[in-house]
Amino acid sequence: MTEILRPISAVALGFLEIIRFIGDLCYLLLDAVVGIPRSLFSKQGRRLGWESLWEQMDRVGVRSIRIVCLVLFCIGITLALKMAPTLKEYGAVERVPDIISIAIAPELGPLVSAIVLTGFAGASIAAELGAMVVSEEIEALEAHAINPIRFLVVPRVIATTVMMVCIAVIGDIAGFFGGYTMGMLGLGISSHMYIQHSFDVLHKPEFTTGIAVAGVFRDFLTGLVKAGIFGMLISGIACRLGLSVTGGATGVGIATTKTVVYTIVSLIIVDLICNFIIFKIGW
């Protein structure tokens, strides 16, 4: 009987651990969001927050632009190469830009950018905060009546969220340019035709669920909303795991590894949920 209950107990404990982690993450993000006004606009918040914010935006955003552009440029080329043979059979090779635009703007652009940013931002944030916990710097901040959430978490959440949106835009452009390059050089699609098809498929003047979206790049804006959610998720998980480090240097390494794994899995699940909601509301 014990042998039968042991795996069931392990599954139940794992499920409870997931629920507890989600609860802690939501509480941390809520605490960070509530602390944003005081952290950035009060006298003490301006002294503690703005310089750290610019530093974090440079570290997690600017330094990751090149690798994001390279990855999405290659993805744009790959999509064009994979779609062209099938479309040629139906005499519709000029529809390659349509597929690339639909695939990159609302989906691959923000998701791939978020996965790349996980390595730049998530892992480094978790390692940095974990090292501060091990060296008792967090306790020193609390001893000086400085809130670690406001001083450490808020700048990282804001920087990662804002830069994630910016990087998603840059990644979209890189993906489009990759497909554009292959379309012109390898598939014989004219520049005017490629650009026209790309804009036509994204520019959908219609009414959905009573909301006018005429003249708005609906899929592009959907991708930006996802990017903001992904950025908050990356920073939240990294801060949560970094601040909960135990066991010295070994614990820092474990937290960093967990951050990358947990974040990538969470990004895919959240992306699925977002797509399901978008599909249900017909957006």
Protein backbone atom coordinates (compact mmCIF):
# COMPACT_ATOMS: atom_id res chain seq x y z
CA MET A 1 0.00 0.00 0.00
CA THR A 2 2.85 2.35 0.84
CA GLU A 3 4.44 1.75 -2.57
CA ILE A 4 1.18 2.71 -4.25
CA LEU A 5 0.68 5.89 -2.23
CA ARG A 6 4.25 7.11 -2.61
CA PRO A 7 3.98 8.27 -6.26
CA ILE A 8 0.54 9.75 -5.61
CA SER A 9 1.95 11.66 -2.66
CA ALA A 10 4.87 12.90 -4.76
CA VAL A 11 2.50 14.16 -7.47
CA ALA A 12 0.29 15.87 -4.89
CA LEU A 13 3.27 17.55 -3.23
CA GLY A 14 4.57 18.70 -6.62
CA PHE A 15 1.17 20.16 -7.48
CA LEU A 16 1.01 21.99 -4.15
CA GLU A 17 4.52 23.32 -4.71
CA ILE A 18 3.47 24.70 -8.10
CA ILE A 19 0.43 26.39 -6.55
CA ARG A 20 2.58 27.89 -3.79
CA PHE A 21 5.13 29.16 -6.32
CA ILE A 22 2.41 30.78 -8.44
CA GLY A 23 0.96 32.42 -5.33
CA ASP A 24 4.34 33.75 -4.24
CA LEU A 25 5.00 35.04 -7.76
CA CYS A 26 1.66 36.84 -7.95
CA TYR A 27 2.19 38.38 -4.52
CA LEU A 28 5.69 39.56 -5.47
CA LEU A 29 4.51 41.13 -8.74
CA LEU A 30 1.55 42.77 -7.00
CA ASP A 31 3.86 44.17 -4.34
CA ALA A 32 6.19 45.47 -7.05
CA VAL A 33 3.38 47.10 -9.05
CA VAL A 34 1.98 48.77 -5.93
CA GLY A 35 5.45 50.05 -5.09
CA ILE A 36 6.14 51.60 -8.51
CA PRO A 37 4.75 55.10 -7.76
CA ARG A 38 6.67 55.47 -4.49
CA SER A 39 9.78 53.89 -5.96
CA LEU A 40 9.99 56.21 -8.95
CA PHE A 41 8.25 59.44 -8.00
CA SER A 42 8.82 60.03 -4.31
CA LYS A 43 12.02 61.76 -3.22
CA GLN A 44 13.40 58.56 -1.76
CA GLY A 45 12.19 56.52 -4.74
CA ARG A 46 13.86 58.87 -7.21
CA ARG A 47 17.17 58.54 -5.36
CA LEU A 48 16.88 54.77 -5.17
CA GLY A 49 15.11 53.92 -8.41
CA TRP A 50 15.97 55.95 -11.51
CA GLU A 51 19.68 55.19 -11.83
CA SER A 52 19.07 51.51 -11.20
CA LEU A 53 16.25 51.56 -13.75
CA TRP A 54 18.44 52.96 -16.54
CA GLU A 55 21.18 50.51 -15.66
CA GLN A 56 18.80 47.56 -15.78
CA MET A 57 17.26 48.68 -19.07
CA ASP A 58 20.70 48.84 -20.63
CA ARG A 59 21.75 45.47 -19.26
CA VAL A 60 18.66 43.43 -20.02
CA GLY A 61 17.58 45.19 -23.20
CA VAL A 62 20.27 46.93 -25.19
CA ARG A 63 22.81 44.13 -24.85
CA SER A 64 20.36 41.51 -26.12
CA ILE A 65 19.32 43.33 -29.30
CA ARG A 66 22.00 41.81 -31.52
CA ILE A 67 21.28 38.19 -30.64
CA VAL A 68 17.50 38.75 -30.92
CA CYS A 69 17.94 40.29 -34.37
CA LEU A 70 20.18 37.44 -35.50
CA VAL A 71 17.80 34.73 -34.28
CA LEU A 72 14.66 36.27 -35.77
CA PHE A 73 16.40 37.19 -39.02
CA CYS A 74 17.31 33.51 -39.42
CA ILE A 75 13.77 32.46 -38.49
CA GLY A 76 12.36 34.77 -41.18
CA ILE A 77 14.65 33.18 -43.78
CA THR A 78 13.79 29.67 -42.57
CA LEU A 79 10.04 30.30 -42.77
CA ALA A 80 10.39 31.60 -46.32
CA LEU A 81 12.43 28.56 -47.36
CA LYS A 82 10.00 26.11 -45.77
CA MET A 83 6.80 27.69 -47.07
CA ALA A 84 7.94 28.40 -50.65
CA PRO A 85 7.97 24.80 -52.05
CA THR A 86 4.42 24.06 -50.91
CA LEU A 87 3.07 27.41 -52.07
CA LYS A 88 4.78 27.02 -55.46
CA GLU A 89 2.70 23.89 -56.08
CA TYR A 90 -0.42 26.05 -55.88
CA GLY A 91 1.08 28.98 -57.75
CA ALA A 92 0.92 31.18 -54.66
CA VAL A 93 4.55 31.79 -53.80
CA GLU A 94 3.73 35.50 -53.47
CA ARG A 95 1.82 34.56 -50.30
CA VAL A 96 5.07 33.83 -48.45
CA PRO A 97 5.13 37.33 -46.87
CA ASP A 98 1.57 36.81 -45.60
CA ILE A 99 2.60 33.69 -43.67
CA ILE A 100 5.78 35.25 -42.33
CA SER A 101 3.95 38.34 -41.10
CA ILE A 102 1.20 36.35 -39.40
CA ALA A 103 3.72 33.99 -37.80
CA ILE A 104 6.18 36.60 -36.56
CA ALA A 105 4.13 39.63 -35.48
CA PRO A 106 1.73 38.06 -32.96
CA GLU A 107 3.63 34.87 -32.12
CA LEU A 108 7.28 34.16 -32.92
CA GLY A 109 8.50 37.73 -32.50
CA PRO A 110 7.51 38.21 -28.86
CA LEU A 111 7.97 34.55 -27.87
CA VAL A 112 11.45 34.06 -29.34
CA SER A 113 12.52 37.48 -28.03
CA ALA A 114 11.30 36.50 -24.57
CA ILE A 115 13.17 33.19 -24.65
CA VAL A 116 16.37 34.97 -25.67
CA LEU A 117 15.81 37.63 -23.02
CA THR A 118 15.41 34.89 -20.43
CA GLY A 119 19.08 34.06 -20.84
CA PHE A 120 20.15 37.71 -20.71
CA ALA A 121 17.78 39.08 -18.07
CA GLY A 122 16.27 36.18 -16.15
CA ALA A 123 19.44 34.26 -15.39
CA SER A 124 21.47 37.37 -14.54
CA ILE A 125 18.76 38.81 -12.27
CA ALA A 126 18.39 35.53 -10.39
CA ALA A 127 22.16 35.16 -9.99
CA GLU A 128 22.60 38.77 -8.88
CA LEU A 129 19.83 38.70 -6.28
CA GLY A 130 20.89 35.24 -5.13
CA ALA A 131 24.44 36.47 -4.56
CA MET A 132 23.05 39.40 -2.57
CA VAL A 133 21.06 37.01 -0.40
CA VAL A 134 24.12 34.81 0.22
CA SER A 135 26.30 37.81 1.11
CA GLU A 136 23.53 39.13 3.41
CA GLU A 137 23.13 42.37 1.46
CA ILE A 138 19.34 41.97 1.56
CA GLU A 139 19.44 41.88 5.35
CA ALA A 140 21.65 44.97 5.32
CA LEU A 141 19.06 46.84 3.23
CA GLU A 142 16.30 45.85 5.64
CA ALA A 143 18.47 46.92 8.58
CA HIS A 144 18.67 50.40 7.00
CA ALA A 145 14.86 50.47 6.59
CA ILE A 146 15.10 50.08 2.80
CA ASN A 147 12.43 47.90 1.23
CA PRO A 148 14.20 45.30 -0.98
CA ILE A 149 11.14 45.01 -3.22
CA ARG A 150 11.11 48.73 -3.97
CA PHE A 151 14.87 49.02 -4.22
CA LEU A 152 15.71 45.83 -6.14
CA VAL A 153 12.61 44.24 -7.67
CA VAL A 154 10.72 47.28 -9.01
CA PRO A 155 13.53 48.58 -11.29
CA ARG A 156 14.08 45.09 -12.70
CA VAL A 157 10.39 44.46 -13.35
CA ILE A 158 9.92 47.83 -15.07
CA ALA A 159 13.13 47.55 -17.09
CA THR A 160 12.45 44.01 -18.26
CA THR A 161 8.82 44.73 -19.17
CA VAL A 162 9.56 47.94 -21.08
CA MET A 163 12.61 46.54 -22.87
CA MET A 164 10.75 43.33 -23.72
CA VAL A 165 8.20 45.37 -25.67
CA CYS A 166 10.95 47.35 -27.42
CA ILE A 167 12.91 44.21 -28.26
CA ALA A 168 9.77 42.53 -29.62
CA VAL A 169 9.35 45.41 -32.08
CA ILE A 170 12.98 45.15 -33.16
CA GLY A 171 12.67 41.36 -33.40
CA ASP A 172 9.57 41.67 -35.59
CA ILE A 173 11.45 43.98 -37.95
CA ALA A 174 14.40 41.58 -38.08
CA GLY A 175 12.11 38.64 -38.85
CA PHE A 176 10.31 40.57 -41.59
CA PHE A 177 13.63 41.63 -43.07
CA GLY A 178 14.87 38.03 -43.08
CA GLY A 179 11.83 36.91 -45.03
CA TYR A 180 12.08 39.97 -47.27
CA THR A 181 15.71 39.19 -48.08
CA MET A 182 14.97 35.58 -48.98
CA GLY A 183 11.83 36.55 -50.88
CA MET A 184 13.74 38.96 -53.10
CA LEU A 185 16.97 37.03 -53.55
CA GLY A 186 15.73 33.45 -53.53
CA LEU A 187 12.06 33.40 -54.44
CA GLY A 188 11.77 36.15 -57.02
CA ILE A 189 9.19 38.21 -55.11
CA SER A 190 9.44 41.89 -55.92
CA SER A 191 10.11 44.37 -53.14
CA HIS A 192 6.83 46.21 -53.70
CA MET A 193 4.79 43.00 -53.71
CA TYR A 194 6.45 41.68 -50.54
CA ILE A 195 5.89 44.88 -48.60
CA GLN A 196 2.33 45.24 -49.89
CA HIS A 197 1.36 41.70 -48.87
CA SER A 198 3.00 42.08 -45.45
CA PHE A 199 1.05 45.25 -44.69
CA ASP A 200 -2.22 43.95 -46.13
CA VAL A 201 -2.26 40.83 -43.95
CA LEU A 202 -1.53 42.80 -40.77
CA HIS A 203 -3.81 45.73 -41.55
CA LYS A 204 -7.28 44.28 -40.97
CA PRO A 205 -10.04 46.92 -40.92
CA GLU A 206 -12.93 45.17 -39.22
CA PHE A 207 -15.04 45.21 -36.09
CA THR A 208 -14.45 42.55 -33.47
CA THR A 209 -16.48 42.03 -30.28
CA GLY A 210 -17.82 45.54 -30.60
CA ILE A 211 -14.36 47.13 -30.59
CA ALA A 212 -13.30 49.10 -33.65
CA VAL A 213 -9.90 48.03 -34.80
CA ALA A 214 -10.01 49.71 -38.21
CA GLY A 215 -6.68 51.13 -39.21
CA VAL A 216 -4.84 49.28 -36.43
CA PHE A 217 -2.23 46.56 -36.88
CA ARG A 218 -4.15 44.10 -34.78
CA ASP A 219 -1.70 41.20 -34.86
CA PHE A 220 1.22 43.54 -34.24
CA LEU A 221 -0.47 45.07 -31.19
CA THR A 222 -1.37 41.60 -29.92
CA GLY A 223 2.30 40.69 -30.04
CA LEU A 224 3.24 43.81 -28.08
CA VAL A 225 0.70 43.02 -25.37
CA LYS A 226 2.12 39.52 -25.12
CA ALA A 227 5.63 40.96 -24.95
CA GLY A 228 4.69 43.11 -21.96
CA ILE A 229 3.22 40.10 -20.17
CA PHE A 230 6.30 38.03 -20.99
CA GLY A 231 8.63 40.74 -19.67
CA MET A 232 6.80 40.92 -16.36
CA LEU A 233 6.81 37.13 -16.12
CA ILE A 234 10.57 36.88 -16.79
CA SER A 235 11.48 39.44 -14.16
CA GLY A 236 8.98 38.13 -11.63
CA ILE A 237 10.20 34.54 -11.77
CA ALA A 238 13.85 35.64 -11.69
CA CYS A 239 13.32 37.88 -8.67
CA ARG A 240 11.24 35.27 -6.85
CA LEU A 241 13.87 32.54 -7.26
CA GLY A 242 16.78 34.88 -6.66
CA LEU A 243 15.40 36.19 -3.38
CA SER A 244 14.64 32.68 -2.12
CA VAL A 245 18.19 31.33 -2.55
CA THR A 246 19.52 29.11 0.21
CA GLY A 247 22.68 27.04 0.48
CA GLY A 248 25.39 29.49 -0.56
CA ALA A 249 26.98 29.44 -4.01
CA THR A 250 25.35 26.12 -4.85
CA GLY A 251 21.95 27.64 -4.20
CA VAL A 252 22.73 30.52 -6.57
CA GLY A 253 23.53 28.05 -9.36
CA ILE A 254 20.36 26.08 -8.69
CA ALA A 255 18.23 29.25 -8.69
CA THR A 256 19.77 30.39 -11.97
CA THR A 257 19.07 27.05 -13.63
CA LYS A 258 15.52 26.95 -12.28
CA THR A 259 14.93 30.48 -13.53
CA VAL A 260 15.74 29.58 -17.13
CA VAL A 261 13.73 26.34 -17.05
CA TYR A 262 10.71 27.72 -15.17
CA THR A 263 10.59 30.86 -17.30
CA ILE A 264 10.69 29.10 -20.66
CA VAL A 265 7.98 26.66 -19.60
CA SER A 266 5.89 29.51 -18.17
CA LEU A 267 6.30 31.58 -21.33
CA ILE A 268 4.97 28.77 -23.51
CA ILE A 269 2.02 28.10 -21.16
CA VAL A 270 1.12 31.79 -20.88
CA ASP A 271 1.43 32.16 -24.67
CA LEU A 272 -0.99 29.26 -25.07
CA ILE A 273 -3.44 30.87 -22.64
CA CYS A 274 -3.19 34.22 -24.45
CA ASN A 275 -3.82 32.57 -27.82
CA PHE A 276 -6.80 30.67 -26.43
CA ILE A 277 -8.32 33.88 -25.04
CA ILE A 278 -7.69 35.73 -28.31
CA PHE A 279 -9.29 32.89 -30.25
CA LYS A 280 -12.34 32.82 -27.99
CA ILE A 281 -13.02 36.55 -28.11
CA GLY A 282 -12.39 36.59 -31.87
CA TRP A 283 -9.72 39.28 -31.66
